[in-house]
């Protein structure tokens, strides 16, 4: 029971940090030209922070004429959720209804909390608590941000633009214990930072993900498995 309480504590901590980020999105979306209703519908239906910010960022720069580019940018960032879904499929449950429901809650944070657990039951708890909790919190704070956007001013002045990144980093940090994980993290960060000013929004994240795939495929900097016969075993 103590292990389950720890998962709840971890998940709710991520929920609070990420939900705070929703205020920033609500304020920025209204500032980009969307009204409160459109902003809230976007959060309910799209529900993936990176894609939502990509959408309003491109829309703010080009208005209605930039809608195709805004949708494309959001879609490119959302592709990563497909990979998350493949990873989460055996964790969330075996019934079709549960997997369909889980699709909407499969985001960076719910995936990270789930895979950070060692027990399958705790992984399910982490996934559902984080996913549903963020969905509720994100939409509530999106509404608040949209309503109070003019009062808050620049969301960056409050540090709300960094809340989700800080929460995700807190989940990632304990896993950086081996050379391979550290190398992947550094290489992916360098690739994404280098490409961000050069190519279309959304693509740097996908290219950086290729780094992890390549390193994992070839097991670079990974542990060398001991395949020598055990002591006492016949040679």
C-alpha atoms as a PDB file:
ATOM      1  CA  UNK A   1       0.000   0.000   0.000  1.00  0.00           C
ATOM      2  CA  UNK A   2       2.874   2.376   0.736  1.00  0.00           C
ATOM      3  CA  UNK A   3       4.189   1.823  -2.812  1.00  0.00           C
ATOM      4  CA  UNK A   4       0.799   2.752  -4.256  1.00  0.00           C
ATOM      5  CA  UNK A   5       0.653   5.884  -2.115  1.00  0.00           C
ATOM      6  CA  UNK A   6       4.075   6.845  -3.442  1.00  0.00           C
ATOM      7  CA  UNK A   7       2.826   6.476  -7.022  1.00  0.00           C
ATOM      8  CA  UNK A   8      -0.206   8.625  -6.208  1.00  0.00           C
ATOM      9  CA  UNK A   9       2.078  11.245  -4.663  1.00  0.00           C
ATOM     10  CA  UNK A  10       4.342  11.263  -7.706  1.00  0.00           C
ATOM     11  CA  UNK A  11       1.427  11.395 -10.126  1.00  0.00           C
ATOM     12  CA  UNK A  12      -0.371  14.205  -8.292  1.00  0.00           C
ATOM     13  CA  UNK A  13       2.835  16.224  -8.143  1.00  0.00           C
ATOM     14  CA  UNK A  14       3.086  16.001 -11.925  1.00  0.00           C
ATOM     15  CA  UNK A  15      -0.622  16.836 -12.238  1.00  0.00           C
ATOM     16  CA  UNK A  16      -0.211  20.034 -10.216  1.00  0.00           C
ATOM     17  CA  UNK A  17       2.884  21.187 -12.104  1.00  0.00           C
ATOM     18  CA  UNK A  18       1.456  20.450 -15.541  1.00  0.00           C
ATOM     19  CA  UNK A  19      -1.957  21.905 -14.740  1.00  0.00           C
ATOM     20  CA  UNK A  20      -0.282  25.195 -13.837  1.00  0.00           C
ATOM     21  CA  UNK A  21       1.074  25.201 -17.373  1.00  0.00           C
ATOM     22  CA  UNK A  22      -2.512  25.271 -18.637  1.00  0.00           C
ATOM     23  CA  UNK A  23      -2.912  28.846 -17.403  1.00  0.00           C
ATOM     24  CA  UNK A  24      -0.082  29.822 -19.721  1.00  0.00           C
ATOM     25  CA  UNK A  25      -1.723  28.097 -22.675  1.00  0.00           C
ATOM     26  CA  UNK A  26      -5.103  29.703 -22.022  1.00  0.00           C
ATOM     27  CA  UNK A  27      -3.578  33.173 -21.839  1.00  0.00           C
ATOM     28  CA  UNK A  28      -1.418  32.701 -24.939  1.00  0.00           C
ATOM     29  CA  UNK A  29      -4.272  31.198 -26.964  1.00  0.00           C
ATOM     30  CA  UNK A  30      -6.524  34.183 -26.289  1.00  0.00           C
ATOM     31  CA  UNK A  31      -3.650  36.548 -27.032  1.00  0.00           C
ATOM     32  CA  UNK A  32      -3.121  34.776 -30.392  1.00  0.00           C
ATOM     33  CA  UNK A  33      -6.668  35.554 -31.500  1.00  0.00           C
ATOM     34  CA  UNK A  34      -8.764  32.590 -30.284  1.00  0.00           C
ATOM     35  CA  UNK A  35     -11.764  33.291 -28.073  1.00  0.00           C
ATOM     36  CA  UNK A  36     -12.389  31.589 -24.718  1.00  0.00           C
ATOM     37  CA  UNK A  37     -14.725  28.974 -26.214  1.00  0.00           C
ATOM     38  CA  UNK A  38     -12.297  28.010 -28.986  1.00  0.00           C
ATOM     39  CA  UNK A  39      -9.411  27.823 -26.511  1.00  0.00           C
ATOM     40  CA  UNK A  40     -11.300  25.469 -24.190  1.00  0.00           C
ATOM     41  CA  UNK A  41     -12.498  23.219 -27.029  1.00  0.00           C
ATOM     42  CA  UNK A  42      -8.921  22.968 -28.301  1.00  0.00           C
ATOM     43  CA  UNK A  43      -7.748  21.783 -24.876  1.00  0.00           C
ATOM     44  CA  UNK A  44     -10.547  19.243 -24.509  1.00  0.00           C
ATOM     45  CA  UNK A  45     -10.163  17.695 -27.957  1.00  0.00           C
ATOM     46  CA  UNK A  46      -6.449  18.007 -28.676  1.00  0.00           C
ATOM     47  CA  UNK A  47      -5.144  17.607 -25.109  1.00  0.00           C
ATOM     48  CA  UNK A  48      -1.435  17.492 -25.744  1.00  0.00           C
ATOM     49  CA  UNK A  49       0.419  20.548 -24.560  1.00  0.00           C
ATOM     50  CA  UNK A  50       3.227  20.621 -27.114  1.00  0.00           C
ATOM     51  CA  UNK A  51       0.820  20.348 -30.044  1.00  0.00           C
ATOM     52  CA  UNK A  52      -1.487  22.990 -28.601  1.00  0.00           C
ATOM     53  CA  UNK A  53       1.332  25.485 -28.146  1.00  0.00           C
ATOM     54  CA  UNK A  54       2.614  24.754 -31.649  1.00  0.00           C
ATOM     55  CA  UNK A  55      -0.864  25.402 -33.019  1.00  0.00           C
ATOM     56  CA  UNK A  56      -1.403  28.760 -31.299  1.00  0.00           C
ATOM     57  CA  UNK A  57       2.179  29.825 -31.998  1.00  0.00           C
ATOM     58  CA  UNK A  58       1.818  29.389 -35.754  1.00  0.00           C
ATOM     59  CA  UNK A  59      -1.739  30.758 -35.714  1.00  0.00           C
ATOM     60  CA  UNK A  60      -0.614  33.881 -33.848  1.00  0.00           C
ATOM     61  CA  UNK A  61       2.052  34.519 -36.477  1.00  0.00           C
ATOM     62  CA  UNK A  62      -0.145  34.093 -39.539  1.00  0.00           C
ATOM     63  CA  UNK A  63      -3.803  34.217 -38.517  1.00  0.00           C
ATOM     64  CA  UNK A  64      -6.468  32.266 -40.404  1.00  0.00           C
ATOM     65  CA  UNK A  65      -4.216  31.981 -43.465  1.00  0.00           C
ATOM     66  CA  UNK A  66      -1.730  30.001 -41.362  1.00  0.00           C
ATOM     67  CA  UNK A  67      -4.276  27.416 -40.203  1.00  0.00           C
ATOM     68  CA  UNK A  68      -2.940  24.622 -42.469  1.00  0.00           C
ATOM     69  CA  UNK A  69       0.586  25.190 -41.139  1.00  0.00           C
ATOM     70  CA  UNK A  70      -0.702  25.380 -37.580  1.00  0.00           C
ATOM     71  CA  UNK A  71      -2.529  22.065 -37.962  1.00  0.00           C
ATOM     72  CA  UNK A  72       0.517  20.454 -39.580  1.00  0.00           C
ATOM     73  CA  UNK A  73       2.808  21.626 -36.787  1.00  0.00           C
ATOM     74  CA  UNK A  74       0.433  20.318 -34.114  1.00  0.00           C
ATOM     75  CA  UNK A  75       0.124  17.021 -35.969  1.00  0.00           C
ATOM     76  CA  UNK A  76       3.875  16.547 -36.236  1.00  0.00           C
ATOM     77  CA  UNK A  77       4.311  17.005 -32.506  1.00  0.00           C
ATOM     78  CA  UNK A  78       1.393  14.669 -31.850  1.00  0.00           C
ATOM     79  CA  UNK A  79       3.048  11.812 -33.767  1.00  0.00           C
ATOM     80  CA  UNK A  80       5.108  10.971 -30.676  1.00  0.00           C
ATOM     81  CA  UNK A  81       1.898   9.953 -28.900  1.00  0.00           C
ATOM     82  CA  UNK A  82       1.567   7.069 -31.358  1.00  0.00           C
ATOM     83  CA  UNK A  83       4.838   5.648 -30.034  1.00  0.00           C
ATOM     84  CA  UNK A  84       3.631   6.235 -26.476  1.00  0.00           C
ATOM     85  CA  UNK A  85       0.423   4.372 -27.297  1.00  0.00           C
ATOM     86  CA  UNK A  86       2.338   1.340 -28.504  1.00  0.00           C
ATOM     87  CA  UNK A  87       4.330   1.344 -25.277  1.00  0.00           C
ATOM     88  CA  UNK A  88       1.273   1.822 -23.057  1.00  0.00           C
ATOM     89  CA  UNK A  89      -1.027  -0.658 -24.811  1.00  0.00           C
ATOM     90  CA  UNK A  90      -0.072  -3.704 -22.691  1.00  0.00           C
ATOM     91  CA  UNK A  91      -0.063  -1.599 -19.519  1.00  0.00           C
ATOM     92  CA  UNK A  92      -3.444   0.145 -19.532  1.00  0.00           C
ATOM     93  CA  UNK A  93      -5.496  -3.052 -19.800  1.00  0.00           C
ATOM     94  CA  UNK A  94      -6.623  -5.758 -22.190  1.00  0.00           C
ATOM     95  CA  UNK A  95     -10.199  -4.647 -22.927  1.00  0.00           C
ATOM     96  CA  UNK A  96     -10.848  -2.684 -26.118  1.00  0.00           C
ATOM     97  CA  UNK A  97     -12.923  -0.074 -24.299  1.00  0.00           C
ATOM     98  CA  UNK A  98     -10.124   0.643 -21.830  1.00  0.00           C
ATOM     99  CA  UNK A  99      -7.540   1.002 -24.581  1.00  0.00           C
ATOM    100  CA  UNK A 100      -9.779   3.354 -26.553  1.00  0.00           C
ATOM    101  CA  UNK A 101     -10.317   5.472 -23.434  1.00  0.00           C
ATOM    102  CA  UNK A 102      -6.602   5.440 -22.632  1.00  0.00           C
ATOM    103  CA  UNK A 103      -5.720   6.870 -26.054  1.00  0.00           C
ATOM    104  CA  UNK A 104      -6.881  10.333 -25.047  1.00  0.00           C
ATOM    105  CA  UNK A 105      -4.821  10.289 -21.841  1.00  0.00           C
ATOM    106  CA  UNK A 106      -1.612   8.991 -23.421  1.00  0.00           C
ATOM    107  CA  UNK A 107       0.679  11.998 -23.137  1.00  0.00           C
ATOM    108  CA  UNK A 108       4.282  12.683 -22.128  1.00  0.00           C
ATOM    109  CA  UNK A 109       3.582  12.862 -18.410  1.00  0.00           C
ATOM    110  CA  UNK A 110       1.258   9.854 -18.038  1.00  0.00           C
ATOM    111  CA  UNK A 111       3.690   7.720 -20.032  1.00  0.00           C
ATOM    112  CA  UNK A 112       6.679   8.889 -17.993  1.00  0.00           C
ATOM    113  CA  UNK A 113       5.014   8.225 -14.636  1.00  0.00           C
ATOM    114  CA  UNK A 114       3.834   4.800 -15.793  1.00  0.00           C
ATOM    115  CA  UNK A 115       7.146   3.508 -17.126  1.00  0.00           C
ATOM    116  CA  UNK A 116       9.035   4.795 -14.095  1.00  0.00           C
ATOM    117  CA  UNK A 117       7.295   2.110 -12.011  1.00  0.00           C
ATOM    118  CA  UNK A 118       8.567  -1.456 -11.818  1.00  0.00           C
ATOM    119  CA  UNK A 119       5.303  -3.224 -10.971  1.00  0.00           C
ATOM    120  CA  UNK A 120       2.616  -3.614 -13.694  1.00  0.00           C
ATOM    121  CA  UNK A 121      -0.195  -2.701 -11.280  1.00  0.00           C
ATOM    122  CA  UNK A 122       1.606   0.448 -10.171  1.00  0.00           C
ATOM    123  CA  UNK A 123       2.223   1.353 -13.797  1.00  0.00           C
ATOM    124  CA  UNK A 124      -1.510   1.272 -14.436  1.00  0.00           C
ATOM    125  CA  UNK A 125      -2.165   3.403 -11.369  1.00  0.00           C
ATOM    126  CA  UNK A 126       0.475   5.918 -12.423  1.00  0.00           C
ATOM    127  CA  UNK A 127      -0.874   6.120 -15.960  1.00  0.00           C
ATOM    128  CA  UNK A 128      -4.534   6.628 -15.090  1.00  0.00           C
ATOM    129  CA  UNK A 129      -4.045   8.973 -12.144  1.00  0.00           C
ATOM    130  CA  UNK A 130      -1.643  11.151 -14.115  1.00  0.00           C
ATOM    131  CA  UNK A 131      -3.585  11.121 -17.382  1.00  0.00           C
ATOM    132  CA  UNK A 132      -7.039  11.787 -15.940  1.00  0.00           C
ATOM    133  CA  UNK A 133      -5.711  14.206 -13.330  1.00  0.00           C
ATOM    134  CA  UNK A 134      -3.890  16.315 -15.916  1.00  0.00           C
ATOM    135  CA  UNK A 135      -6.893  16.246 -18.248  1.00  0.00           C
ATOM    136  CA  UNK A 136      -9.107  17.722 -15.543  1.00  0.00           C
ATOM    137  CA  UNK A 137      -6.521  20.154 -14.214  1.00  0.00           C
ATOM    138  CA  UNK A 138      -5.337  21.247 -17.663  1.00  0.00           C
ATOM    139  CA  UNK A 139      -8.821  22.103 -18.849  1.00  0.00           C
ATOM    140  CA  UNK A 140      -9.720  23.964 -15.662  1.00  0.00           C
ATOM    141  CA  UNK A 141      -6.555  26.062 -15.782  1.00  0.00           C
ATOM    142  CA  UNK A 142      -6.930  26.617 -19.527  1.00  0.00           C
ATOM    143  CA  UNK A 143     -10.308  28.215 -18.804  1.00  0.00           C
ATOM    144  CA  UNK A 144      -8.794  30.303 -16.010  1.00  0.00           C
ATOM    145  CA  UNK A 145      -5.929  31.436 -18.230  1.00  0.00           C
ATOM    146  CA  UNK A 146      -8.273  32.293 -21.081  1.00  0.00           C
ATOM    147  CA  UNK A 147     -10.551  34.337 -18.812  1.00  0.00           C
ATOM    148  CA  UNK A 148      -7.737  36.121 -17.008  1.00  0.00           C
ATOM    149  CA  UNK A 149      -5.245  36.380 -19.870  1.00  0.00           C
ATOM    150  CA  UNK A 150      -5.377  40.145 -20.044  1.00  0.00           C
ATOM    151  CA  UNK A 151      -4.965  40.449 -16.274  1.00  0.00           C
ATOM    152  CA  UNK A 152      -2.008  38.062 -16.086  1.00  0.00           C
ATOM    153  CA  UNK A 153      -0.070  39.764 -18.871  1.00  0.00           C
ATOM    154  CA  UNK A 154       2.879  37.797 -20.248  1.00  0.00           C
ATOM    155  CA  UNK A 155       2.642  34.196 -18.874  1.00  0.00           C
ATOM    156  CA  UNK A 156       6.432  33.880 -19.113  1.00  0.00           C
ATOM    157  CA  UNK A 157       6.788  36.555 -16.430  1.00  0.00           C
ATOM    158  CA  UNK A 158       5.144  34.126 -14.000  1.00  0.00           C
ATOM    159  CA  UNK A 159       7.353  31.214 -15.012  1.00  0.00           C
ATOM    160  CA  UNK A 160       4.345  29.227 -16.195  1.00  0.00           C
ATOM    161  CA  UNK A 161       5.972  28.466 -19.540  1.00  0.00           C
ATOM    162  CA  UNK A 162       8.551  26.280 -17.767  1.00  0.00           C
ATOM    163  CA  UNK A 163       6.224  24.355 -15.435  1.00  0.00           C
ATOM    164  CA  UNK A 164       5.635  21.317 -17.665  1.00  0.00           C
ATOM    165  CA  UNK A 165       9.272  21.081 -18.727  1.00  0.00           C
ATOM    166  CA  UNK A 166      10.356  21.159 -15.083  1.00  0.00           C
ATOM    167  CA  UNK A 167       7.885  18.425 -14.165  1.00  0.00           C
ATOM    168  CA  UNK A 168       9.055  16.179 -16.999  1.00  0.00           C
ATOM    169  CA  UNK A 169      12.711  16.766 -16.111  1.00  0.00           C
ATOM    170  CA  UNK A 170      11.960  15.749 -12.529  1.00  0.00           C
ATOM    171  CA  UNK A 171      10.641  12.425 -13.830  1.00  0.00           C
ATOM    172  CA  UNK A 172      13.551  11.917 -16.199  1.00  0.00           C
ATOM    173  CA  UNK A 173      16.373  12.766 -13.786  1.00  0.00           C
ATOM    174  CA  UNK A 174      16.193   9.602 -11.576  1.00  0.00           C
ATOM    175  CA  UNK A 175      16.494   7.447 -14.715  1.00  0.00           C
ATOM    176  CA  UNK A 176      19.806   9.005 -15.766  1.00  0.00           C
ATOM    177  CA  UNK A 177      21.936   6.451 -13.941  1.00  0.00           C
ATOM    178  CA  UNK A 178      23.627   4.723 -16.872  1.00  0.00           C
ATOM    179  CA  UNK A 179      25.900   5.981 -19.630  1.00  0.00           C
ATOM    180  CA  UNK A 180      23.426   5.111 -22.353  1.00  0.00           C
ATOM    181  CA  UNK A 181      20.564   7.125 -20.830  1.00  0.00           C
ATOM    182  CA  UNK A 182      22.824  10.129 -20.221  1.00  0.00           C
ATOM    183  CA  UNK A 183      24.235   9.960 -23.759  1.00  0.00           C
ATOM    184  CA  UNK A 184      20.752   9.758 -25.299  1.00  0.00           C
ATOM    185  CA  UNK A 185      19.519  12.691 -23.230  1.00  0.00           C
ATOM    186  CA  UNK A 186      22.444  14.934 -24.134  1.00  0.00           C
ATOM    187  CA  UNK A 187      22.469  13.982 -27.823  1.00  0.00           C
ATOM    188  CA  UNK A 188      18.691  14.425 -28.211  1.00  0.00           C
ATOM    189  CA  UNK A 189      18.789  17.805 -26.471  1.00  0.00           C
ATOM    190  CA  UNK A 190      21.621  19.035 -28.703  1.00  0.00           C
ATOM    191  CA  UNK A 191      19.871  17.837 -31.863  1.00  0.00           C
ATOM    192  CA  UNK A 192      16.535  19.414 -30.900  1.00  0.00           C
ATOM    193  CA  UNK A 193      18.115  22.723 -29.837  1.00  0.00           C
ATOM    194  CA  UNK A 194      20.189  22.914 -33.014  1.00  0.00           C
ATOM    195  CA  UNK A 195      17.308  22.192 -35.370  1.00  0.00           C
ATOM    196  CA  UNK A 196      14.620  24.310 -33.652  1.00  0.00           C
ATOM    197  CA  UNK A 197      15.511  27.591 -35.421  1.00  0.00           C
ATOM    198  CA  UNK A 198      16.140  25.844 -38.736  1.00  0.00           C
ATOM    199  CA  UNK A 199      13.165  23.612 -39.512  1.00  0.00           C
ATOM    200  CA  UNK A 200       9.404  23.497 -39.100  1.00  0.00           C
ATOM    201  CA  UNK A 201       8.029  23.317 -35.521  1.00  0.00           C
ATOM    202  CA  UNK A 202       7.444  19.709 -34.507  1.00  0.00           C
ATOM    203  CA  UNK A 203      10.220  18.213 -36.600  1.00  0.00           C
ATOM    204  CA  UNK A 204      13.075  18.816 -34.090  1.00  0.00           C
ATOM    205  CA  UNK A 205      11.298  16.641 -31.521  1.00  0.00           C
ATOM    206  CA  UNK A 206      10.822  13.824 -34.015  1.00  0.00           C
ATOM    207  CA  UNK A 207      14.415  13.995 -35.233  1.00  0.00           C
ATOM    208  CA  UNK A 208      15.656  13.965 -31.639  1.00  0.00           C
ATOM    209  CA  UNK A 209      13.564  10.860 -31.011  1.00  0.00           C
ATOM    210  CA  UNK A 210      15.445   9.132 -33.817  1.00  0.00           C
ATOM    211  CA  UNK A 211      18.578   9.517 -31.689  1.00  0.00           C
ATOM    212  CA  UNK A 212      17.049   7.372 -28.947  1.00  0.00           C
ATOM    213  CA  UNK A 213      15.837   4.791 -31.485  1.00  0.00           C
ATOM    214  CA  UNK A 214      19.258   4.470 -33.124  1.00  0.00           C
ATOM    215  CA  UNK A 215      21.129   4.250 -29.819  1.00  0.00           C
ATOM    216  CA  UNK A 216      18.685   1.662 -28.482  1.00  0.00           C
ATOM    217  CA  UNK A 217      18.743  -0.369 -31.703  1.00  0.00           C
ATOM    218  CA  UNK A 218      22.508  -0.690 -31.714  1.00  0.00           C
ATOM    219  CA  UNK A 219      22.747  -0.654 -27.908  1.00  0.00           C
ATOM    220  CA  UNK A 220      25.508   1.950 -27.960  1.00  0.00           C
ATOM    221  CA  UNK A 221      26.956   2.700 -24.508  1.00  0.00           C
ATOM    222  CA  UNK A 222      24.710   0.013 -23.056  1.00  0.00           C
ATOM    223  CA  UNK A 223      25.661  -2.646 -20.600  1.00  0.00           C
ATOM    224  CA  UNK A 224      27.519  -5.622 -21.995  1.00  0.00           C
ATOM    225  CA  UNK A 225      25.634  -8.703 -20.929  1.00  0.00           C
ATOM    226  CA  UNK A 226      27.661 -11.393 -19.180  1.00  0.00           C
ATOM    227  CA  UNK A 227      27.195 -14.515 -21.284  1.00  0.00           C
ATOM    228  CA  UNK A 228      29.949 -16.572 -19.637  1.00  0.00           C
ATOM    229  CA  UNK A 229      28.854 -19.879 -18.067  1.00  0.00           C
ATOM    230  CA  UNK A 230      27.772 -19.626 -14.445  1.00  0.00           C
ATOM    231  CA  UNK A 231      30.057 -21.008 -11.799  1.00  0.00           C
ATOM    232  CA  UNK A 232      29.685 -24.779 -11.554  1.00  0.00           C
ATOM    233  CA  UNK A 233      27.933 -25.032 -14.907  1.00  0.00           C
ATOM    234  CA  UNK A 234      29.272 -27.630 -17.335  1.00  0.00           C
ATOM    235  CA  UNK A 235      31.250 -26.123 -20.197  1.00  0.00           C
END
